[in-house]
Structure formats: structure tokens, C-alpha cells
Amino acid sequence: VDFGELKQEDTKKDVAYTVTLDEVNNLDPDAQQISVYVKNQNAT
């Protein structure tokens, strides 16, 4: 995901990303889910 060129200005820059469940088998959608978590690489 690319922020492109950043500038010294008082604005916020937003960029898009997507996460998609392409395929799933044998999951009980009424009782289970596939949870996705995210963090910075060095976060604790």
C-alpha cells in the first residue's frame, strides 16, 4: 500500500487497502468465523 509523495502540510492523507476471504470450506457460519488481526511488525 503506497502513500505516494508526502508533503509538509496540515492535511491527512488516506489510502485504501482491502482484505478478502477468497475461499472457505467446512466452516459453520452460525458458530464460527475467521478472525483477522493486524499490528505493526515490532508492536508488542
ModelCIF file with pLDDT and N, C-alpha, C, O atoms, coordinates in Angstrom:
data_MODEL
#
_entry.id   MODEL 
#
_entity.id                         1 
_entity.type                       polymer 
_entity.pdbx_number_of_molecules   1 
#
_entity_poly.entity_id                      1 
_entity_poly.type                           'polypeptide(L)' 
_entity_poly.nstd_linkage                   no 
_entity_poly.nstd_monomer                   no 
_entity_poly.pdbx_seq_one_letter_code       VDFGELKQEDTKKDVAYTVTLDEVNNLDPDAQQISVYVKNQNAT 
_entity_poly.pdbx_seq_one_letter_code_can   VDFGELKQEDTKKDVAYTVTLDEVNNLDPDAQQISVYVKNQNAT 
_entity_poly.pdbx_strand_id                 A 
#
loop_
_entity_poly_seq.entity_id 
_entity_poly_seq.num 
_entity_poly_seq.mon_id 
_entity_poly_seq.hetero 
1 1  VAL n 
1 2  ASP n 
1 3  PHE n 
1 4  GLY n 
1 5  GLU n 
1 6  LEU n 
1 7  LYS n 
1 8  GLN n 
1 9  GLU n 
1 10 ASP n 
1 11 THR n 
1 12 LYS n 
1 13 LYS n 
1 14 ASP n 
1 15 VAL n 
1 16 ALA n 
1 17 TYR n 
1 18 THR n 
1 19 VAL n 
1 20 THR n 
1 21 LEU n 
1 22 ASP n 
1 23 GLU n 
1 24 VAL n 
1 25 ASN n 
1 26 ASN n 
1 27 LEU n 
1 28 ASP n 
1 29 PRO n 
1 30 ASP n 
1 31 ALA n 
1 32 GLN n 
1 33 GLN n 
1 34 ILE n 
1 35 SER n 
1 36 VAL n 
1 37 TYR n 
1 38 VAL n 
1 39 LYS n 
1 40 ASN n 
1 41 GLN n 
1 42 ASN n 
1 43 ALA n 
1 44 THR n 
#
_struct_asym.id          A 
_struct_asym.entity_id   1 
#
loop_
_ma_qa_metric.id 
_ma_qa_metric.mode 
_ma_qa_metric.name 
_ma_qa_metric.software_group_id 
_ma_qa_metric.type 
1 global pLDDT . pLDDT 
2 local  pLDDT . pLDDT 
#
_ma_qa_metric_global.metric_id      1 
_ma_qa_metric_global.metric_value   93.95 
_ma_qa_metric_global.model_id       1 
_ma_qa_metric_global.ordinal_id     1 
#
loop_
_ma_qa_metric_local.label_asym_id 
_ma_qa_metric_local.label_comp_id 
_ma_qa_metric_local.label_seq_id 
_ma_qa_metric_local.metric_id 
_ma_qa_metric_local.metric_value 
_ma_qa_metric_local.model_id 
_ma_qa_metric_local.ordinal_id 
A VAL 1  2 92.00 1 1  
A ASP 2  2 92.00 1 2  
A PHE 3  2 93.00 1 3  
A GLY 4  2 92.00 1 4  
A GLU 5  2 93.00 1 5  
A LEU 6  2 94.00 1 6  
A LYS 7  2 93.00 1 7  
A GLN 8  2 94.00 1 8  
A GLU 9  2 94.00 1 9  
A ASP 10 2 95.00 1 10 
A THR 11 2 94.00 1 11 
A LYS 12 2 94.00 1 12 
A LYS 13 2 94.00 1 13 
A ASP 14 2 95.00 1 14 
A VAL 15 2 94.00 1 15 
A ALA 16 2 95.00 1 16 
A TYR 17 2 94.00 1 17 
A THR 18 2 93.00 1 18 
A VAL 19 2 94.00 1 19 
A THR 20 2 94.00 1 20 
A LEU 21 2 95.00 1 21 
A ASP 22 2 94.00 1 22 
A GLU 23 2 93.00 1 23 
A VAL 24 2 94.00 1 24 
A ASN 25 2 94.00 1 25 
A ASN 26 2 95.00 1 26 
A LEU 27 2 95.00 1 27 
A ASP 28 2 94.00 1 28 
A PRO 29 2 95.00 1 29 
A ASP 30 2 95.00 1 30 
A ALA 31 2 96.00 1 31 
A GLN 32 2 95.00 1 32 
A GLN 33 2 96.00 1 33 
A ILE 34 2 95.00 1 34 
A SER 35 2 95.00 1 35 
A VAL 36 2 94.00 1 36 
A TYR 37 2 94.00 1 37 
A VAL 38 2 94.00 1 38 
A LYS 39 2 94.00 1 39 
A ASN 40 2 94.00 1 40 
A GLN 41 2 91.00 1 41 
A ASN 42 2 90.00 1 42 
A ALA 43 2 94.00 1 43 
A THR 44 2 95.00 1 44 
#
loop_
_atom_site.group_PDB 
_atom_site.id 
_atom_site.type_symbol 
_atom_site.label_atom_id 
_atom_site.label_alt_id 
_atom_site.label_comp_id 
_atom_site.label_asym_id 
_atom_site.label_entity_id 
_atom_site.label_seq_id 
_atom_site.pdbx_PDB_ins_code 
_atom_site.Cartn_x 
_atom_site.Cartn_y 
_atom_site.Cartn_z 
_atom_site.occupancy 
_atom_site.B_iso_or_equiv 
_atom_site.pdbx_formal_charge 
_atom_site.auth_seq_id 
_atom_site.auth_comp_id 
_atom_site.auth_asym_id 
_atom_site.auth_atom_id 
_atom_site.pdbx_PDB_model_num 
ATOM 1   N N  . VAL A 1 1  ? 0.873   -1.172  0.000  1.00 92.00 ? 1  VAL A N  1 
ATOM 2   C CA . VAL A 1 1  ? 0.000   0.000   0.000  1.00 92.00 ? 1  VAL A CA 1 
ATOM 3   C C  . VAL A 1 1  ? 0.913   1.225   0.000  1.00 92.00 ? 1  VAL A C  1 
ATOM 4   O O  . VAL A 1 1  ? 1.823   1.329   0.823  1.00 92.00 ? 1  VAL A O  1 
ATOM 5   N N  . ASP A 1 2  ? 0.668   2.142   -0.918 1.00 92.00 ? 2  ASP A N  1 
ATOM 6   C CA . ASP A 1 2  ? 1.602   3.237   -1.158 1.00 92.00 ? 2  ASP A CA 1 
ATOM 7   C C  . ASP A 1 2  ? 0.982   4.579   -0.785 1.00 92.00 ? 2  ASP A C  1 
ATOM 8   O O  . ASP A 1 2  ? -0.052  4.960   -1.334 1.00 92.00 ? 2  ASP A O  1 
ATOM 9   N N  . PHE A 1 3  ? 1.606   5.294   0.139  1.00 93.00 ? 3  PHE A N  1 
ATOM 10  C CA . PHE A 1 3  ? 1.163   6.643   0.471  1.00 93.00 ? 3  PHE A CA 1 
ATOM 11  C C  . PHE A 1 3  ? 1.573   7.655   -0.597 1.00 93.00 ? 3  PHE A C  1 
ATOM 12  O O  . PHE A 1 3  ? 1.101   8.792   -0.591 1.00 93.00 ? 3  PHE A O  1 
ATOM 13  N N  . GLY A 1 4  ? 2.454   7.243   -1.512 1.00 92.00 ? 4  GLY A N  1 
ATOM 14  C CA . GLY A 1 4  ? 2.904   8.173   -2.539 1.00 92.00 ? 4  GLY A CA 1 
ATOM 15  C C  . GLY A 1 4  ? 3.786   9.256   -1.953 1.00 92.00 ? 4  GLY A C  1 
ATOM 16  O O  . GLY A 1 4  ? 4.524   9.016   -0.998 1.00 92.00 ? 4  GLY A O  1 
ATOM 17  N N  . GLU A 1 5  ? 3.709   10.443  -2.521 1.00 93.00 ? 5  GLU A N  1 
ATOM 18  C CA . GLU A 1 5  ? 4.542   11.556  -2.070 1.00 93.00 ? 5  GLU A CA 1 
ATOM 19  C C  . GLU A 1 5  ? 3.879   12.261  -0.899 1.00 93.00 ? 5  GLU A C  1 
ATOM 20  O O  . GLU A 1 5  ? 2.734   12.701  -0.999 1.00 93.00 ? 5  GLU A O  1 
ATOM 21  N N  . LEU A 1 6  ? 4.594   12.367  0.204  1.00 94.00 ? 6  LEU A N  1 
ATOM 22  C CA . LEU A 1 6  ? 4.104   13.096  1.368  1.00 94.00 ? 6  LEU A CA 1 
ATOM 23  C C  . LEU A 1 6  ? 4.617   14.532  1.334  1.00 94.00 ? 6  LEU A C  1 
ATOM 24  O O  . LEU A 1 6  ? 5.680   14.816  0.782  1.00 94.00 ? 6  LEU A O  1 
ATOM 25  N N  . LYS A 1 7  ? 3.841   15.430  1.935  1.00 93.00 ? 7  LYS A N  1 
ATOM 26  C CA . LYS A 1 7  ? 4.194   16.854  1.914  1.00 93.00 ? 7  LYS A CA 1 
ATOM 27  C C  . LYS A 1 7  ? 4.123   17.446  3.306  1.00 93.00 ? 7  LYS A C  1 
ATOM 28  O O  . LYS A 1 7  ? 3.424   16.939  4.184  1.00 93.00 ? 7  LYS A O  1 
ATOM 29  N N  . GLN A 1 8  ? 4.851   18.514  3.485  1.00 94.00 ? 8  GLN A N  1 
ATOM 30  C CA . GLN A 1 8  ? 4.812   19.247  4.752  1.00 94.00 ? 8  GLN A CA 1 
ATOM 31  C C  . GLN A 1 8  ? 3.611   20.184  4.723  1.00 94.00 ? 8  GLN A C  1 
ATOM 32  O O  . GLN A 1 8  ? 3.727   21.356  4.364  1.00 94.00 ? 8  GLN A O  1 
ATOM 33  N N  . GLU A 1 9  ? 2.457   19.648  5.108  1.00 94.00 ? 9  GLU A N  1 
ATOM 34  C CA . GLU A 1 9  ? 1.249   20.455  5.141  1.00 94.00 ? 9  GLU A CA 1 
ATOM 35  C C  . GLU A 1 9  ? 0.288   19.888  6.184  1.00 94.00 ? 9  GLU A C  1 
ATOM 36  O O  . GLU A 1 9  ? 0.392   18.726  6.577  1.00 94.00 ? 9  GLU A O  1 
ATOM 37  N N  . ASP A 1 10 ? -0.626  20.711  6.615  1.00 95.00 ? 10 ASP A N  1 
ATOM 38  C CA . ASP A 1 10 ? -1.545  20.327  7.684  1.00 95.00 ? 10 ASP A CA 1 
ATOM 39  C C  . ASP A 1 10 ? -2.771  19.620  7.096  1.00 95.00 ? 10 ASP A C  1 
ATOM 40  O O  . ASP A 1 10 ? -3.888  20.133  7.168  1.00 95.00 ? 10 ASP A O  1 
ATOM 41  N N  . THR A 1 11 ? -2.551  18.448  6.521  1.00 94.00 ? 11 THR A N  1 
ATOM 42  C CA . THR A 1 11 ? -3.622  17.644  5.945  1.00 94.00 ? 11 THR A CA 1 
ATOM 43  C C  . THR A 1 11 ? -3.382  16.180  6.291  1.00 94.00 ? 11 THR A C  1 
ATOM 44  O O  . THR A 1 11 ? -2.270  15.775  6.630  1.00 94.00 ? 11 THR A O  1 
ATOM 45  N N  . LYS A 1 12 ? -4.441  15.406  6.197  1.00 94.00 ? 12 LYS A N  1 
ATOM 46  C CA . LYS A 1 12 ? -4.348  13.971  6.421  1.00 94.00 ? 12 LYS A CA 1 
ATOM 47  C C  . LYS A 1 12 ? -4.436  13.265  5.071  1.00 94.00 ? 12 LYS A C  1 
ATOM 48  O O  . LYS A 1 12 ? -5.251  13.628  4.224  1.00 94.00 ? 12 LYS A O  1 
ATOM 49  N N  . LYS A 1 13 ? -3.593  12.258  4.878  1.00 94.00 ? 13 LYS A N  1 
ATOM 50  C CA . LYS A 1 13 ? -3.579  11.518  3.618  1.00 94.00 ? 13 LYS A CA 1 
ATOM 51  C C  . LYS A 1 13 ? -4.121  10.114  3.862  1.00 94.00 ? 13 LYS A C  1 
ATOM 52  O O  . LYS A 1 13 ? -3.617  9.382   4.714  1.00 94.00 ? 13 LYS A O  1 
ATOM 53  N N  . ASP A 1 14 ? -5.154  9.747   3.103  1.00 95.00 ? 14 ASP A N  1 
ATOM 54  C CA . ASP A 1 14 ? -5.785  8.438   3.231  1.00 95.00 ? 14 ASP A CA 1 
ATOM 55  C C  . ASP A 1 14 ? -5.499  7.595   1.993  1.00 95.00 ? 14 ASP A C  1 
ATOM 56  O O  . ASP A 1 14 ? -5.560  8.088   0.867  1.00 95.00 ? 14 ASP A O  1 
ATOM 57  N N  . VAL A 1 15 ? -5.190  6.328   2.210  1.00 94.00 ? 15 VAL A N  1 
ATOM 58  C CA . VAL A 1 15 ? -5.034  5.377   1.107  1.00 94.00 ? 15 VAL A CA 1 
ATOM 59  C C  . VAL A 1 15 ? -5.831  4.122   1.437  1.00 94.00 ? 15 VAL A C  1 
ATOM 60  O O  . VAL A 1 15 ? -6.008  3.771   2.604  1.00 94.00 ? 15 VAL A O  1 
ATOM 61  N N  . ALA A 1 16 ? -6.303  3.460   0.401  1.00 95.00 ? 16 ALA A N  1 
ATOM 62  C CA . ALA A 1 16 ? -7.179  2.299   0.580  1.00 95.00 ? 16 ALA A CA 1 
ATOM 63  C C  . ALA A 1 16 ? -6.390  0.995   0.617  1.00 95.00 ? 16 ALA A C  1 
ATOM 64  O O  . ALA A 1 16 ? -5.305  0.885   0.044  1.00 95.00 ? 16 ALA A O  1 
ATOM 65  N N  . TYR A 1 17 ? -6.966  0.011   1.306  1.00 94.00 ? 17 TYR A N  1 
ATOM 66  C CA . TYR A 1 17 ? -6.470  -1.360  1.246  1.00 94.00 ? 17 TYR A CA 1 
ATOM 67  C C  . TYR A 1 17 ? -7.678  -2.286  1.364  1.00 94.00 ? 17 TYR A C  1 
ATOM 68  O O  . TYR A 1 17 ? -8.732  -1.869  1.844  1.00 94.00 ? 17 TYR A O  1 
ATOM 69  N N  . THR A 1 18 ? -7.533  -3.527  0.935  1.00 93.00 ? 18 THR A N  1 
ATOM 70  C CA . THR A 1 18 ? -8.628  -4.492  1.048  1.00 93.00 ? 18 THR A CA 1 
ATOM 71  C C  . THR A 1 18 ? -8.105  -5.812  1.595  1.00 93.00 ? 18 THR A C  1 
ATOM 72  O O  . THR A 1 18 ? -6.954  -6.186  1.367  1.00 93.00 ? 18 THR A O  1 
ATOM 73  N N  . VAL A 1 19 ? -8.966  -6.502  2.313  1.00 94.00 ? 19 VAL A N  1 
ATOM 74  C CA . VAL A 1 19 ? -8.704  -7.858  2.795  1.00 94.00 ? 19 VAL A CA 1 
ATOM 75  C C  . VAL A 1 19 ? -9.924  -8.685  2.394  1.00 94.00 ? 19 VAL A C  1 
ATOM 76  O O  . VAL A 1 19 ? -11.056 -8.313  2.703  1.00 94.00 ? 19 VAL A O  1 
ATOM 77  N N  . THR A 1 20 ? -9.696  -9.806  1.706  1.00 94.00 ? 20 THR A N  1 
ATOM 78  C CA . THR A 1 20 ? -10.804 -10.574 1.144  1.00 94.00 ? 20 THR A CA 1 
ATOM 79  C C  . THR A 1 20 ? -10.702 -12.049 1.513  1.00 94.00 ? 20 THR A C  1 
ATOM 80  O O  . THR A 1 20 ? -9.628  -12.647 1.446  1.00 94.00 ? 20 THR A O  1 
ATOM 81  N N  . LEU A 1 21 ? -11.821 -12.616 1.898  1.00 95.00 ? 21 LEU A N  1 
ATOM 82  C CA . LEU A 1 21 ? -11.901 -14.065 2.083  1.00 95.00 ? 21 LEU A CA 1 
ATOM 83  C C  . LEU A 1 21 ? -12.258 -14.670 0.730  1.00 95.00 ? 21 LEU A C  1 
ATOM 84  O O  . LEU A 1 21 ? -13.416 -14.634 0.314  1.00 95.00 ? 21 LEU A O  1 
ATOM 85  N N  . ASP A 1 22 ? -11.272 -15.220 0.054  1.00 94.00 ? 22 ASP A N  1 
ATOM 86  C CA . ASP A 1 22 ? -11.470 -15.754 -1.288 1.00 94.00 ? 22 ASP A CA 1 
ATOM 87  C C  . ASP A 1 22 ? -12.148 -17.119 -1.285 1.00 94.00 ? 22 ASP A C  1 
ATOM 88  O O  . ASP A 1 22 ? -12.967 -17.425 -2.152 1.00 94.00 ? 22 ASP A O  1 
ATOM 89  N N  . GLU A 1 23 ? -11.792 -17.930 -0.297 1.00 93.00 ? 23 GLU A N  1 
ATOM 90  C CA . GLU A 1 23 ? -12.291 -19.307 -0.292 1.00 93.00 ? 23 GLU A CA 1 
ATOM 91  C C  . GLU A 1 23 ? -12.395 -19.809 1.141  1.00 93.00 ? 23 GLU A C  1 
ATOM 92  O O  . GLU A 1 23 ? -11.523 -19.529 1.964  1.00 93.00 ? 23 GLU A O  1 
ATOM 93  N N  . VAL A 1 24 ? -13.455 -20.547 1.440  1.00 94.00 ? 24 VAL A N  1 
ATOM 94  C CA . VAL A 1 24 ? -13.601 -21.159 2.755  1.00 94.00 ? 24 VAL A CA 1 
ATOM 95  C C  . VAL A 1 24 ? -14.393 -22.449 2.596  1.00 94.00 ? 24 VAL A C  1 
ATOM 96  O O  . VAL A 1 24 ? -15.359 -22.510 1.836  1.00 94.00 ? 24 VAL A O  1 
ATOM 97  N N  . ASN A 1 25 ? -13.971 -23.474 3.323  1.00 94.00 ? 25 ASN A N  1 
ATOM 98  C CA . ASN A 1 25 ? -14.632 -24.771 3.269  1.00 94.00 ? 25 ASN A CA 1 
ATOM 99  C C  . ASN A 1 25 ? -14.861 -25.300 4.678  1.00 94.00 ? 25 ASN A C  1 
ATOM 100 O O  . ASN A 1 25 ? -13.999 -25.184 5.548  1.00 94.00 ? 25 ASN A O  1 
ATOM 101 N N  . ASN A 1 26 ? -16.044 -25.886 4.888  1.00 95.00 ? 26 ASN A N  1 
ATOM 102 C CA . ASN A 1 26 ? -16.394 -26.603 6.123  1.00 95.00 ? 26 ASN A CA 1 
ATOM 103 C C  . ASN A 1 26 ? -16.511 -25.711 7.351  1.00 95.00 ? 26 ASN A C  1 
ATOM 104 O O  . ASN A 1 26 ? -16.470 -26.209 8.476  1.00 95.00 ? 26 ASN A O  1 
ATOM 105 N N  . LEU A 1 27 ? -16.654 -24.411 7.161  1.00 95.00 ? 27 LEU A N  1 
ATOM 106 C CA . LEU A 1 27 ? -16.859 -23.511 8.293  1.00 95.00 ? 27 LEU A CA 1 
ATOM 107 C C  . LEU A 1 27 ? -18.347 -23.459 8.632  1.00 95.00 ? 27 LEU A C  1 
ATOM 108 O O  . LEU A 1 27 ? -19.186 -23.388 7.735  1.00 95.00 ? 27 LEU A O  1 
ATOM 109 N N  . ASP A 1 28 ? -18.674 -23.493 9.915  1.00 94.00 ? 28 ASP A N  1 
ATOM 110 C CA . ASP A 1 28 ? -20.053 -23.318 10.364 1.00 94.00 ? 28 ASP A CA 1 
ATOM 111 C C  . ASP A 1 28 ? -20.290 -21.819 10.558 1.00 94.00 ? 28 ASP A C  1 
ATOM 112 O O  . ASP A 1 28 ? -19.873 -21.264 11.575 1.00 94.00 ? 28 ASP A O  1 
ATOM 113 N N  . PRO A 1 29 ? -20.949 -21.154 9.608  1.00 95.00 ? 29 PRO A N  1 
ATOM 114 C CA . PRO A 1 29 ? -21.067 -19.688 9.686  1.00 95.00 ? 29 PRO A CA 1 
ATOM 115 C C  . PRO A 1 29 ? -21.941 -19.204 10.829 1.00 95.00 ? 29 PRO A C  1 
ATOM 116 O O  . PRO A 1 29 ? -21.923 -18.019 11.160 1.00 95.00 ? 29 PRO A O  1 
ATOM 117 N N  . ASP A 1 30 ? -22.703 -20.096 11.432 1.00 95.00 ? 30 ASP A N  1 
ATOM 118 C CA . ASP A 1 30 ? -23.550 -19.705 12.556 1.00 95.00 ? 30 ASP A CA 1 
ATOM 119 C C  . ASP A 1 30 ? -22.799 -19.765 13.887 1.00 95.00 ? 30 ASP A C  1 
ATOM 120 O O  . ASP A 1 30 ? -23.228 -19.181 14.882 1.00 95.00 ? 30 ASP A O  1 
ATOM 121 N N  . ALA A 1 31 ? -21.681 -20.472 13.888 1.00 96.00 ? 31 ALA A N  1 
ATOM 122 C CA . ALA A 1 31 ? -20.954 -20.658 15.148 1.00 96.00 ? 31 ALA A CA 1 
ATOM 123 C C  . ALA A 1 31 ? -19.491 -20.253 15.073 1.00 96.00 ? 31 ALA A C  1 
ATOM 124 O O  . ALA A 1 31 ? -18.864 -20.010 16.105 1.00 96.00 ? 31 ALA A O  1 
ATOM 125 N N  . GLN A 1 32 ? -18.936 -20.176 13.862 1.00 95.00 ? 32 GLN A N  1 
ATOM 126 C CA . GLN A 1 32 ? -17.513 -19.904 13.701 1.00 95.00 ? 32 GLN A CA 1 
ATOM 127 C C  . GLN A 1 32 ? -17.291 -18.702 12.798 1.00 95.00 ? 32 GLN A C  1 
ATOM 128 O O  . GLN A 1 32 ? -18.174 -18.304 12.038 1.00 95.00 ? 32 GLN A O  1 
ATOM 129 N N  . GLN A 1 33 ? -16.107 -18.136 12.893 1.00 96.00 ? 33 GLN A N  1 
ATOM 130 C CA . GLN A 1 33 ? -15.683 -17.099 11.969 1.00 96.00 ? 33 GLN A CA 1 
ATOM 131 C C  . GLN A 1 33 ? -14.176 -17.166 11.815 1.00 96.00 ? 33 GLN A C  1 
ATOM 132 O O  . GLN A 1 33 ? -13.478 -17.716 12.667 1.00 96.00 ? 33 GLN A O  1 
ATOM 133 N N  . ILE A 1 34 ? -13.682 -16.604 10.731 1.00 95.00 ? 34 ILE A N  1 
ATOM 134 C CA . ILE A 1 34 ? -12.240 -16.474 10.543 1.00 95.00 ? 34 ILE A CA 1 
ATOM 135 C C  . ILE A 1 34 ? -11.880 -15.047 10.915 1.00 95.00 ? 34 ILE A C  1 
ATOM 136 O O  . ILE A 1 34 ? -12.190 -14.102 10.190 1.00 95.00 ? 34 ILE A O  1 
ATOM 137 N N  . SER A 1 35 ? -11.227 -14.908 12.047 1.00 95.00 ? 35 SER A N  1 
ATOM 138 C CA . SER A 1 35 ? -10.876 -13.585 12.566 1.00 95.00 ? 35 SER A CA 1 
ATOM 139 C C  . SER A 1 35 ? -9.523  -13.153 12.014 1.00 95.00 ? 35 SER A C  1 
ATOM 140 O O  . SER A 1 35 ? -8.592  -13.953 11.916 1.00 95.00 ? 35 SER A O  1 
ATOM 141 N N  . VAL A 1 36 ? -9.430  -11.877 11.655 1.00 94.00 ? 36 VAL A N  1 
ATOM 142 C CA . VAL A 1 36 ? -8.187  -11.305 11.150 1.00 94.00 ? 36 VAL A CA 1 
ATOM 143 C C  . VAL A 1 36 ? -7.732  -10.199 12.093 1.00 94.00 ? 36 VAL A C  1 
ATOM 144 O O  . VAL A 1 36 ? -8.496  -9.295  12.432 1.00 94.00 ? 36 VAL A O  1 
ATOM 145 N N  . TYR A 1 37 ? -6.481  -10.289 12.508 1.00 94.00 ? 37 TYR A N  1 
ATOM 146 C CA . TYR A 1 37 ? -5.870  -9.297  13.388 1.00 94.00 ? 37 TYR A CA 1 
ATOM 147 C C  . TYR A 1 37 ? -4.708  -8.637  12.639 1.00 94.00 ? 37 TYR A C  1 
ATOM 148 O O  . TYR A 1 37 ? -4.177  -9.201  11.682 1.00 94.00 ? 37 TYR A O  1 
ATOM 149 N N  . VAL A 1 38 ? -4.324  -7.449  13.080 1.00 94.00 ? 38 VAL A N  1 
ATOM 150 C CA . VAL A 1 38 ? -3.221  -6.751  12.417 1.00 94.00 ? 38 VAL A CA 1 
ATOM 151 C C  . VAL A 1 38 ? -2.461  -5.909  13.432 1.00 94.00 ? 38 VAL A C  1 
ATOM 152 O O  . VAL A 1 38 ? -3.039  -5.381  14.382 1.00 94.00 ? 38 VAL A O  1 
ATOM 153 N N  . LYS A 1 39 ? -1.142  -5.791  13.212 1.00 94.00 ? 39 LYS A N  1 
ATOM 154 C CA . LYS A 1 39 ? -0.299  -4.948  14.064 1.00 94.00 ? 39 LYS A CA 1 
ATOM 155 C C  . LYS A 1 39 ? 0.917   -4.500  13.270 1.00 94.00 ? 39 LYS A C  1 
ATOM 156 O O  . LYS A 1 39 ? 1.198   -5.033  12.196 1.00 94.00 ? 39 LYS A O  1 
ATOM 157 N N  . ASN A 1 40 ? 1.633   -3.524  13.799 1.00 94.00 ? 40 ASN A N  1 
ATOM 158 C CA . ASN A 1 40 ? 2.924   -3.146  13.233 1.00 94.00 ? 40 ASN A CA 1 
ATOM 159 C C  . ASN A 1 40 ? 3.923   -4.267  13.507 1.00 94.00 ? 40 ASN A C  1 
ATOM 160 O O  . ASN A 1 40 ? 3.789   -4.982  14.500 1.00 94.00 ? 40 ASN A O  1 
ATOM 161 N N  . GLN A 1 41 ? 4.903   -4.425  12.655 1.00 91.00 ? 41 GLN A N  1 
ATOM 162 C CA . GLN A 1 41 ? 5.798   -5.572  12.756 1.00 91.00 ? 41 GLN A CA 1 
ATOM 163 C C  . GLN A 1 41 ? 6.517   -5.680  14.094 1.00 91.00 ? 41 GLN A C  1 
ATOM 164 O O  . GLN A 1 41 ? 6.823   -6.788  14.532 1.00 91.00 ? 41 GLN A O  1 
ATOM 165 N N  . ASN A 1 42 ? 6.793   -4.567  14.748 1.00 90.00 ? 42 ASN A N  1 
ATOM 166 C CA . ASN A 1 42 ? 7.524   -4.607  16.016 1.00 90.00 ? 42 ASN A CA 1 
ATOM 167 C C  . ASN A 1 42 ? 6.638   -4.334  17.225 1.00 90.00 ? 42 ASN A C  1 
ATOM 168 O O  . ASN A 1 42 ? 7.142   -4.171  18.336 1.00 90.00 ? 42 ASN A O  1 
ATOM 169 N N  . ALA A 1 43 ? 5.339   -4.282  17.025 1.00 94.00 ? 43 ALA A N  1 
ATOM 170 C CA . ALA A 1 43 ? 4.433   -3.963  18.125 1.00 94.00 ? 43 ALA A CA 1 
ATOM 171 C C  . ALA A 1 43 ? 4.343   -5.115  19.117 1.00 94.00 ? 43 ALA A C  1 
ATOM 172 O O  . ALA A 1 43 ? 4.372   -6.284  18.734 1.00 94.00 ? 43 ALA A O  1 
ATOM 173 N N  . THR A 1 44 ? 4.232   -4.769  20.397 1.00 95.00 ? 44 THR A N  1 
ATOM 174 C CA . THR A 1 44 ? 4.050   -5.759  21.451 1.00 95.00 ? 44 THR A CA 1 
ATOM 175 C C  . THR A 1 44 ? 2.960   -5.277  22.402 1.00 95.00 ? 44 THR A C  1 
ATOM 176 O O  . THR A 1 44 ? 2.640   -5.963  23.372 1.00 95.00 ? 44 THR A O  1 
#
